[in-house]
Amino acid sequence: MPAPILKPSQRDPRDVYPTDRYQPADPVWVYRGGTWCAGVVETASAGAATVTYRPSGSRGTGVDTITASYVLPRAETDPMLDHALH
């Protein structure tokens, strides 16, 4: 599945999973810098998830703590982030 096209504010609230539904190492999309970026969950609680993500087109990574509307499940593999999962 390619990166989502909707901005977080355009998502139907019924489609937004609570952050405590995510587990460490879950692949996710993270909305940062005006675009959806591939990421991996580090930890999650009822209020937010901490995610390592790859800013669009970058080989480096960032880490951020985000709320539910800015994260969603990712099925597409990202070779820069998911190598440890295989």
PDB file of N, CA and C in Angstrom:
ATOM      1  N   MET A   1       0.848  -1.168   0.000  1.00  0.00           N
ATOM      2  CA  MET A   1       0.000   0.000   0.000  1.00  0.00           C
ATOM      3  C   MET A   1       0.897   1.235   0.000  1.00  0.00           C
ATOM      4  N   PRO A   2       0.687   2.140  -0.940  1.00  0.00           N
ATOM      5  CA  PRO A   2       1.489   3.365  -0.961  1.00  0.00           C
ATOM      6  C   PRO A   2       1.115   4.283   0.203  1.00  0.00           C
ATOM      7  N   ALA A   3       1.890   5.328   0.361  1.00  0.00           N
ATOM      8  CA  ALA A   3       1.630   6.293   1.435  1.00  0.00           C
ATOM      9  C   ALA A   3       0.214   6.854   1.299  1.00  0.00           C
ATOM     10  N   PRO A   4      -0.445   7.099   2.420  1.00  0.00           N
ATOM     11  CA  PRO A   4      -1.795   7.671   2.389  1.00  0.00           C
ATOM     12  C   PRO A   4      -1.804   9.043   1.710  1.00  0.00           C
ATOM     13  N   ILE A   5      -2.959   9.438   1.214  1.00  0.00           N
ATOM     14  CA  ILE A   5      -3.067  10.746   0.561  1.00  0.00           C
ATOM     15  C   ILE A   5      -3.810  11.760   1.427  1.00  0.00           C
ATOM     16  N   LEU A   6      -4.557  11.289   2.420  1.00  0.00           N
ATOM     17  CA  LEU A   6      -5.299  12.194   3.287  1.00  0.00           C
ATOM     18  C   LEU A   6      -4.406  12.802   4.356  1.00  0.00           C
ATOM     19  N   LYS A   7      -4.630  14.062   4.659  1.00  0.00           N
ATOM     20  CA  LYS A   7      -3.955  14.687   5.795  1.00  0.00           C
ATOM     21  C   LYS A   7      -4.639  14.195   7.070  1.00  0.00           C
ATOM     22  N   PRO A   8      -3.955  14.226   8.198  1.00  0.00           N
ATOM     23  CA  PRO A   8      -4.569  13.754   9.445  1.00  0.00           C
ATOM     24  C   PRO A   8      -5.924  14.408   9.737  1.00  0.00           C
ATOM     25  N   SER A   9      -6.066  15.685   9.454  1.00  0.00           N
ATOM     26  CA  SER A   9      -7.330  16.383   9.725  1.00  0.00           C
ATOM     27  C   SER A   9      -8.461  15.919   8.814  1.00  0.00           C
ATOM     28  N   GLN A  10      -8.138  15.227   7.734  1.00  0.00           N
ATOM     29  CA  GLN A  10      -9.146  14.743   6.795  1.00  0.00           C
ATOM     30  C   GLN A  10      -9.581  13.306   7.087  1.00  0.00           C
ATOM     31  N   ARG A  11      -8.918  12.642   8.012  1.00  0.00           N
ATOM     32  CA  ARG A  11      -9.247  11.253   8.325  1.00  0.00           C
ATOM     33  C   ARG A  11     -10.561  11.160   9.097  1.00  0.00           C
ATOM     34  N   ASP A  12     -11.326  10.126   8.806  1.00  0.00           N
ATOM     35  CA  ASP A  12     -12.547   9.857   9.543  1.00  0.00           C
ATOM     36  C   ASP A  12     -12.137   9.381  10.936  1.00  0.00           C
ATOM     37  N   PRO A  13     -12.596  10.014  11.985  1.00  0.00           N
ATOM     38  CA  PRO A  13     -12.205   9.619  13.343  1.00  0.00           C
ATOM     39  C   PRO A  13     -12.480   8.145  13.645  1.00  0.00           C
ATOM     40  N   ARG A  14     -13.452   7.540  12.981  1.00  0.00           N
ATOM     41  CA  ARG A  14     -13.741   6.121  13.192  1.00  0.00           C
ATOM     42  C   ARG A  14     -12.638   5.227  12.639  1.00  0.00           C
ATOM     43  N   ASP A  15     -11.792   5.769  11.749  1.00  0.00           N
ATOM     44  CA  ASP A  15     -10.703   4.998  11.155  1.00  0.00           C
ATOM     45  C   ASP A  15      -9.366   5.204  11.868  1.00  0.00           C
ATOM     46  N   VAL A  16      -9.359   6.014  12.906  1.00  0.00           N
ATOM     47  CA  VAL A  16      -8.126   6.302  13.651  1.00  0.00           C
ATOM     48  C   VAL A  16      -8.016   5.335  14.826  1.00  0.00           C
ATOM     49  N   TYR A  17      -6.994   4.459  14.782  1.00  0.00           N
ATOM     50  CA  TYR A  17      -6.771   3.519  15.877  1.00  0.00           C
ATOM     51  C   TYR A  17      -6.192   4.247  17.080  1.00  0.00           C
ATOM     52  N   PRO A  18      -6.592   3.864  18.298  1.00  0.00           N
ATOM     53  CA  PRO A  18      -5.927   4.419  19.480  1.00  0.00           C
ATOM     54  C   PRO A  18      -4.459   3.974  19.471  1.00  0.00           C
ATOM     55  N   THR A  19      -3.591   4.811  19.966  1.00  0.00           N
ATOM     56  CA  THR A  19      -2.163   4.490  19.901  1.00  0.00           C
ATOM     57  C   THR A  19      -1.792   3.254  20.714  1.00  0.00           C
ATOM     58  N   ASP A  20      -2.554   2.922  21.751  1.00  0.00           N
ATOM     59  CA  ASP A  20      -2.198   1.736  22.522  1.00  0.00           C
ATOM     60  C   ASP A  20      -2.541   0.431  21.798  1.00  0.00           C
ATOM     61  N   ARG A  21      -3.104   0.527  20.615  1.00  0.00           N
ATOM     62  CA  ARG A  21      -3.338  -0.658  19.786  1.00  0.00           C
ATOM     63  C   ARG A  21      -2.047  -1.104  19.076  1.00  0.00           C
ATOM     64  N   TYR A  22      -1.104  -0.182  18.950  1.00  0.00           N
ATOM     65  CA  TYR A  22       0.165  -0.490  18.286  1.00  0.00           C
ATOM     66  C   TYR A  22       1.128  -1.162  19.265  1.00  0.00           C
ATOM     67  N   GLN A  23       1.968  -2.037  18.719  1.00  0.00           N
ATOM     68  CA  GLN A  23       2.968  -2.756  19.492  1.00  0.00           C
ATOM     69  C   GLN A  23       4.365  -2.365  19.002  1.00  0.00           C
ATOM     70  N   PRO A  24       5.400  -2.511  19.836  1.00  0.00           N
ATOM     71  CA  PRO A  24       6.757  -2.246  19.364  1.00  0.00           C
ATOM     72  C   PRO A  24       7.064  -3.059  18.099  1.00  0.00           C
ATOM     73  N   ALA A  25       7.742  -2.429  17.164  1.00  0.00           N
ATOM     74  CA  ALA A  25       8.148  -2.984  15.870  1.00  0.00           C
ATOM     75  C   ALA A  25       7.036  -2.996  14.828  1.00  0.00           C
ATOM     76  N   ASP A  26       5.828  -2.535  15.160  1.00  0.00           N
ATOM     77  CA  ASP A  26       4.779  -2.439  14.145  1.00  0.00           C
ATOM     78  C   ASP A  26       5.177  -1.427  13.080  1.00  0.00           C
ATOM     79  N   PRO A  27       5.041  -1.780  11.803  1.00  0.00           N
ATOM     80  CA  PRO A  27       5.298  -0.818  10.735  1.00  0.00           C
ATOM     81  C   PRO A  27       4.116   0.144  10.614  1.00  0.00           C
ATOM     82  N   VAL A  28       4.410   1.420  10.522  1.00  0.00           N
ATOM     83  CA  VAL A  28       3.362   2.447  10.466  1.00  0.00           C
ATOM     84  C   VAL A  28       3.734   3.543   9.469  1.00  0.00           C
ATOM     85  N   TRP A  29       2.730   4.333   9.123  1.00  0.00           N
ATOM     86  CA  TRP A  29       2.941   5.606   8.433  1.00  0.00           C
ATOM     87  C   TRP A  29       2.851   6.694   9.485  1.00  0.00           C
ATOM     88  N   VAL A  30       3.712   7.699   9.406  1.00  0.00           N
ATOM     89  CA  VAL A  30       3.760   8.806  10.349  1.00  0.00           C
ATOM     90  C   VAL A  30       3.670  10.108   9.559  1.00  0.00           C
ATOM     91  N   TYR A  31       2.784  11.000   9.966  1.00  0.00           N
ATOM     92  CA  TYR A  31       2.639  12.279   9.272  1.00  0.00           C
ATOM     93  C   TYR A  31       3.588  13.301   9.895  1.00  0.00           C
ATOM     94  N   ARG A  32       4.611  13.652   9.155  1.00  0.00           N
ATOM     95  CA  ARG A  32       5.613  14.611   9.613  1.00  0.00           C
ATOM     96  C   ARG A  32       6.054  15.473   8.446  1.00  0.00           C
ATOM     97  N   GLY A  33       6.217  16.767   8.691  1.00  0.00           N
ATOM     98  CA  GLY A  33       6.699  17.681   7.659  1.00  0.00           C
ATOM     99  C   GLY A  33       5.759  17.787   6.463  1.00  0.00           C
ATOM    100  N   GLY A  34       4.453  17.597   6.690  1.00  0.00           N
ATOM    101  CA  GLY A  34       3.482  17.726   5.614  1.00  0.00           C
ATOM    102  C   GLY A  34       3.360  16.521   4.701  1.00  0.00           C
ATOM    103  N   THR A  35       3.948  15.392   5.102  1.00  0.00           N
ATOM    104  CA  THR A  35       3.876  14.181   4.290  1.00  0.00           C
ATOM    105  C   THR A  35       3.870  12.942   5.184  1.00  0.00           C
ATOM    106  N   TRP A  36       3.375  11.833   4.645  1.00  0.00           N
ATOM    107  CA  TRP A  36       3.393  10.562   5.361  1.00  0.00           C
ATOM    108  C   TRP A  36       4.739   9.893   5.131  1.00  0.00           C
ATOM    109  N   CYS A  37       5.381   9.472   6.196  1.00  0.00           N
ATOM    110  CA  CYS A  37       6.702   8.837   6.150  1.00  0.00           C
ATOM    111  C   CYS A  37       6.607   7.432   6.752  1.00  0.00           C
ATOM    112  N   ALA A  38       7.402   6.506   6.221  1.00  0.00           N
ATOM    113  CA  ALA A  38       7.459   5.165   6.784  1.00  0.00           C
ATOM    114  C   ALA A  38       8.080   5.220   8.172  1.00  0.00           C
ATOM    115  N   GLY A  39       7.518   4.456   9.103  1.00  0.00           N
ATOM    116  CA  GLY A  39       8.037   4.432  10.460  1.00  0.00           C
ATOM    117  C   GLY A  39       7.842   3.080  11.116  1.00  0.00           C
ATOM    118  N   VAL A  40       8.413   2.943  12.300  1.00  0.00           N
ATOM    119  CA  VAL A  40       8.297   1.739  13.112  1.00  0.00           C
ATOM    120  C   VAL A  40       8.041   2.174  14.551  1.00  0.00           C
ATOM    121  N   VAL A  41       7.059   1.561  15.193  1.00  0.00           N
ATOM    122  CA  VAL A  41       6.710   1.902  16.571  1.00  0.00           C
ATOM    123  C   VAL A  41       7.806   1.424  17.518  1.00  0.00           C
ATOM    124  N   GLU A  42       8.227   2.296  18.412  1.00  0.00           N
ATOM    125  CA  GLU A  42       9.176   1.950  19.470  1.00  0.00           C
ATOM    126  C   GLU A  42       8.420   1.556  20.733  1.00  0.00           C
ATOM    127  N   THR A  43       7.445   2.372  21.102  1.00  0.00           N
ATOM    128  CA  THR A  43       6.609   2.118  22.276  1.00  0.00           C
ATOM    129  C   THR A  43       5.305   2.882  22.085  1.00  0.00           C
ATOM    130  N   ALA A  44       4.257   2.444  22.793  1.00  0.00           N
ATOM    131  CA  ALA A  44       2.963   3.111  22.658  1.00  0.00           C
ATOM    132  C   ALA A  44       2.206   3.051  23.976  1.00  0.00           C
ATOM    133  N   SER A  45       1.394   4.067  24.196  1.00  0.00           N
ATOM    134  CA  SER A  45       0.528   4.127  25.369  1.00  0.00           C
ATOM    135  C   SER A  45      -0.833   4.633  24.905  1.00  0.00           C
ATOM    136  N   ALA A  46      -1.745   4.821  25.834  1.00  0.00           N
ATOM    137  CA  ALA A  46      -3.077   5.309  25.469  1.00  0.00           C
ATOM    138  C   ALA A  46      -3.039   6.720  24.877  1.00  0.00           C
ATOM    139  N   GLY A  47      -2.035   7.505  25.234  1.00  0.00           N
ATOM    140  CA  GLY A  47      -1.994   8.898  24.785  1.00  0.00           C
ATOM    141  C   GLY A  47      -1.171   9.167  23.546  1.00  0.00           C
ATOM    142  N   ALA A  48      -0.151   8.338  23.274  1.00  0.00           N
ATOM    143  CA  ALA A  48       0.755   8.616  22.156  1.00  0.00           C
ATOM    144  C   ALA A  48       1.621   7.403  21.857  1.00  0.00           C
ATOM    145  N   ALA A  49       2.286   7.461  20.705  1.00  0.00           N
ATOM    146  CA  ALA A  49       3.247   6.422  20.322  1.00  0.00           C
ATOM    147  C   ALA A  49       4.576   7.092  20.002  1.00  0.00           C
ATOM    148  N   THR A  50       5.661   6.453  20.373  1.00  0.00           N
ATOM    149  CA  THR A  50       6.991   6.908  19.990  1.00  0.00           C
ATOM    150  C   THR A  50       7.400   6.081  18.784  1.00  0.00           C
ATOM    151  N   VAL A  51       7.782   6.772  17.719  1.00  0.00           N
ATOM    152  CA  VAL A  51       8.027   6.128  16.436  1.00  0.00           C
ATOM    153  C   VAL A  51       9.364   6.580  15.859  1.00  0.00           C
ATOM    154  N   THR A  52      10.125   5.636  15.339  1.00  0.00           N
ATOM    155  CA  THR A  52      11.301   5.951  14.528  1.00  0.00           C
ATOM    156  C   THR A  52      10.809   5.983  13.097  1.00  0.00           C
ATOM    157  N   TYR A  53      11.105   7.052  12.379  1.00  0.00           N
ATOM    158  CA  TYR A  53      10.610   7.186  11.014  1.00  0.00           C
ATOM    159  C   TYR A  53      11.697   7.715  10.094  1.00  0.00           C
ATOM    160  N   ARG A  54      11.457   7.524   8.813  1.00  0.00           N
ATOM    161  CA  ARG A  54      12.397   7.992   7.795  1.00  0.00           C
ATOM    162  C   ARG A  54      11.770   9.181   7.094  1.00  0.00           C
ATOM    163  N   PRO A  55      12.297  10.395   7.334  1.00  0.00           N
ATOM    164  CA  PRO A  55      11.765  11.555   6.620  1.00  0.00           C
ATOM    165  C   PRO A  55      11.824  11.317   5.116  1.00  0.00           C
ATOM    166  N   SER A  56      10.815  11.768   4.398  1.00  0.00           N
ATOM    167  CA  SER A  56      10.676  11.460   2.977  1.00  0.00           C
ATOM    168  C   SER A  56      11.968  11.617   2.197  1.00  0.00           C
ATOM    169  N   GLY A  57      12.335  10.536   1.535  1.00  0.00           N
ATOM    170  CA  GLY A  57      13.508  10.515   0.682  1.00  0.00           C
ATOM    171  C   GLY A  57      14.840  10.462   1.403  1.00  0.00           C
ATOM    172  N   SER A  58      14.841  10.491   2.707  1.00  0.00           N
ATOM    173  CA  SER A  58      16.084  10.532   3.474  1.00  0.00           C
ATOM    174  C   SER A  58      16.547   9.133   3.853  1.00  0.00           C
ATOM    175  N   ARG A  59      17.853   8.957   3.952  1.00  0.00           N
ATOM    176  CA  ARG A  59      18.401   7.696   4.448  1.00  0.00           C
ATOM    177  C   ARG A  59      18.504   7.714   5.968  1.00  0.00           C
ATOM    178  N   GLY A  60      18.443   8.889   6.556  1.00  0.00           N
ATOM    179  CA  GLY A  60      18.503   9.002   8.010  1.00  0.00           C
ATOM    180  C   GLY A  60      17.137   8.766   8.627  1.00  0.00           C
ATOM    181  N   THR A  61      17.081   8.808   9.952  1.00  0.00           N
ATOM    182  CA  THR A  61      15.822   8.608  10.653  1.00  0.00           C
ATOM    183  C   THR A  61      15.597   9.704  11.676  1.00  0.00           C
ATOM    184  N   GLY A  62      14.364   9.811  12.096  1.00  0.00           N
ATOM    185  CA  GLY A  62      13.985  10.707  13.171  1.00  0.00           C
ATOM    186  C   GLY A  62      13.181   9.915  14.182  1.00  0.00           C
ATOM    187  N   VAL A  63      13.061  10.432  15.378  1.00  0.00           N
ATOM    188  CA  VAL A  63      12.241   9.799  16.414  1.00  0.00           C
ATOM    189  C   VAL A  63      11.330  10.872  16.960  1.00  0.00           C
ATOM    190  N   ASP A  64      10.051  10.531  17.092  1.00  0.00           N
ATOM    191  CA  ASP A  64       9.093  11.508  17.591  1.00  0.00           C
ATOM    192  C   ASP A  64       7.991  10.789  18.343  1.00  0.00           C
ATOM    193  N   THR A  65       7.358  11.495  19.238  1.00  0.00           N
ATOM    194  CA  THR A  65       6.199  10.987  19.953  1.00  0.00           C
ATOM    195  C   THR A  65       4.984  11.672  19.369  1.00  0.00           C
ATOM    196  N   ILE A  66       4.025  10.864  18.909  1.00  0.00           N
ATOM    197  CA  ILE A  66       2.895  11.410  18.159  1.00  0.00           C
ATOM    198  C   ILE A  66       1.570  10.866  18.677  1.00  0.00           C
ATOM    199  N   THR A  67       0.507  11.607  18.396  1.00  0.00           N
ATOM    200  CA  THR A  67      -0.831  11.179  18.779  1.00  0.00           C
ATOM    201  C   THR A  67      -1.468  10.372  17.650  1.00  0.00           C
ATOM    202  N   ALA A  68      -2.594   9.767  17.954  1.00  0.00           N
ATOM    203  CA  ALA A  68      -3.227   8.778  17.079  1.00  0.00           C
ATOM    204  C   ALA A  68      -3.530   9.258  15.665  1.00  0.00           C
ATOM    205  N   SER A  69      -3.962  10.472  15.479  1.00  0.00           N
ATOM    206  CA  SER A  69      -4.342  10.906  14.130  1.00  0.00           C
ATOM    207  C   SER A  69      -3.148  11.043  13.191  1.00  0.00           C
ATOM    208  N   TYR A  70      -1.938  11.061  13.728  1.00  0.00           N
ATOM    209  CA  TYR A  70      -0.730  11.220  12.910  1.00  0.00           C
ATOM    210  C   TYR A  70       0.001   9.910  12.635  1.00  0.00           C
ATOM    211  N   VAL A  71      -0.644   8.783  12.942  1.00  0.00           N
ATOM    212  CA  VAL A  71      -0.030   7.465  12.701  1.00  0.00           C
ATOM    213  C   VAL A  71      -1.104   6.508  12.204  1.00  0.00           C
ATOM    214  N   LEU A  72      -0.718   5.619  11.301  1.00  0.00           N
ATOM    215  CA  LEU A  72      -1.621   4.563  10.856  1.00  0.00           C
ATOM    216  C   LEU A  72      -0.825   3.362  10.381  1.00  0.00           C
ATOM    217  N   PRO A  73      -1.439   2.186  10.363  1.00  0.00           N
ATOM    218  CA  PRO A  73      -0.713   0.961   9.997  1.00  0.00           C
ATOM    219  C   PRO A  73      -0.138   1.041   8.583  1.00  0.00           C
ATOM    220  N   ARG A  74       1.003   0.392   8.400  1.00  0.00           N
ATOM    221  CA  ARG A  74       1.678   0.356   7.088  1.00  0.00           C
ATOM    222  C   ARG A  74       1.901  -1.097   6.705  1.00  0.00           C
ATOM    223  N   ALA A  75       1.472  -1.459   5.484  1.00  0.00           N
ATOM    224  CA  ALA A  75       1.677  -2.815   4.980  1.00  0.00           C
ATOM    225  C   ALA A  75       2.890  -2.881   4.054  1.00  0.00           C
ATOM    226  N   GLU A  76       3.216  -1.768   3.422  1.00  0.00           N
ATOM    227  CA  GLU A  76       4.336  -1.708   2.488  1.00  0.00           C
ATOM    228  C   GLU A  76       5.660  -1.808   3.235  1.00  0.00           C
ATOM    229  N   THR A  77       6.583  -2.585   2.707  1.00  0.00           N
ATOM    230  CA  THR A  77       7.898  -2.739   3.332  1.00  0.00           C
ATOM    231  C   THR A  77       8.789  -1.547   2.996  1.00  0.00           C
ATOM    232  N   ASP A  78       9.520  -1.083   3.973  1.00  0.00           N
ATOM    233  CA  ASP A  78      10.525  -0.037   3.767  1.00  0.00           C
ATOM    234  C   ASP A  78      11.890  -0.663   4.050  1.00  0.00           C
ATOM    235  N   PRO A  79      12.725  -0.853   3.023  1.00  0.00           N
ATOM    236  CA  PRO A  79      13.991  -1.549   3.222  1.00  0.00           C
ATOM    237  C   PRO A  79      14.946  -0.861   4.200  1.00  0.00           C
ATOM    238  N   MET A  80      14.827   0.439   4.379  1.00  0.00           N
ATOM    239  CA  MET A  80      15.696   1.158   5.301  1.00  0.00           C
ATOM    240  C   MET A  80      15.292   0.942   6.762  1.00  0.00           C
ATOM    241  N   LEU A  81      14.001   0.712   7.007  1.00  0.00           N
ATOM    242  CA  LEU A  81      13.519   0.583   8.374  1.00  0.00           C
ATOM    243  C   LEU A  81      13.209  -0.857   8.777  1.00  0.00           C
ATOM    244  N   ASP A  82      12.734  -1.647   7.842  1.00  0.00           N
ATOM    245  CA  ASP A  82      12.204  -2.960   8.174  1.00  0.00           C
ATOM    246  C   ASP A  82      13.229  -4.091   8.090  1.00  0.00           C
ATOM    247  N   HIS A  83      14.472  -3.787   7.818  1.00  0.00           N
ATOM    248  CA  HIS A  83      15.478  -4.845   7.686  1.00  0.00           C
ATOM    249  C   HIS A  83      15.591  -5.686   8.954  1.00  0.00           C
ATOM    250  N   ALA A  84      15.377  -5.095  10.091  1.00  0.00           N
ATOM    251  CA  ALA A  84      15.487  -5.840  11.356  1.00  0.00           C
ATOM    252  C   ALA A  84      14.295  -6.753  11.576  1.00  0.00           C
ATOM    253  N   LEU A  85      13.214  -6.530  10.828  1.00  0.00           N
ATOM    254  CA  LEU A  85      12.005  -7.341  11.004  1.00  0.00           C
ATOM    255  C   LEU A  85      12.057  -8.618  10.174  1.00  0.00           C
ATOM    256  N   HIS A  86      13.030  -8.744   9.273  1.00  0.00           N
ATOM    257  CA  HIS A  86      13.067  -9.914   8.373  1.00  0.00           C
ATOM    258  C   HIS A  86      14.222 -10.824   8.709  1.00  0.00           C
TER     259      HIS A  86
END
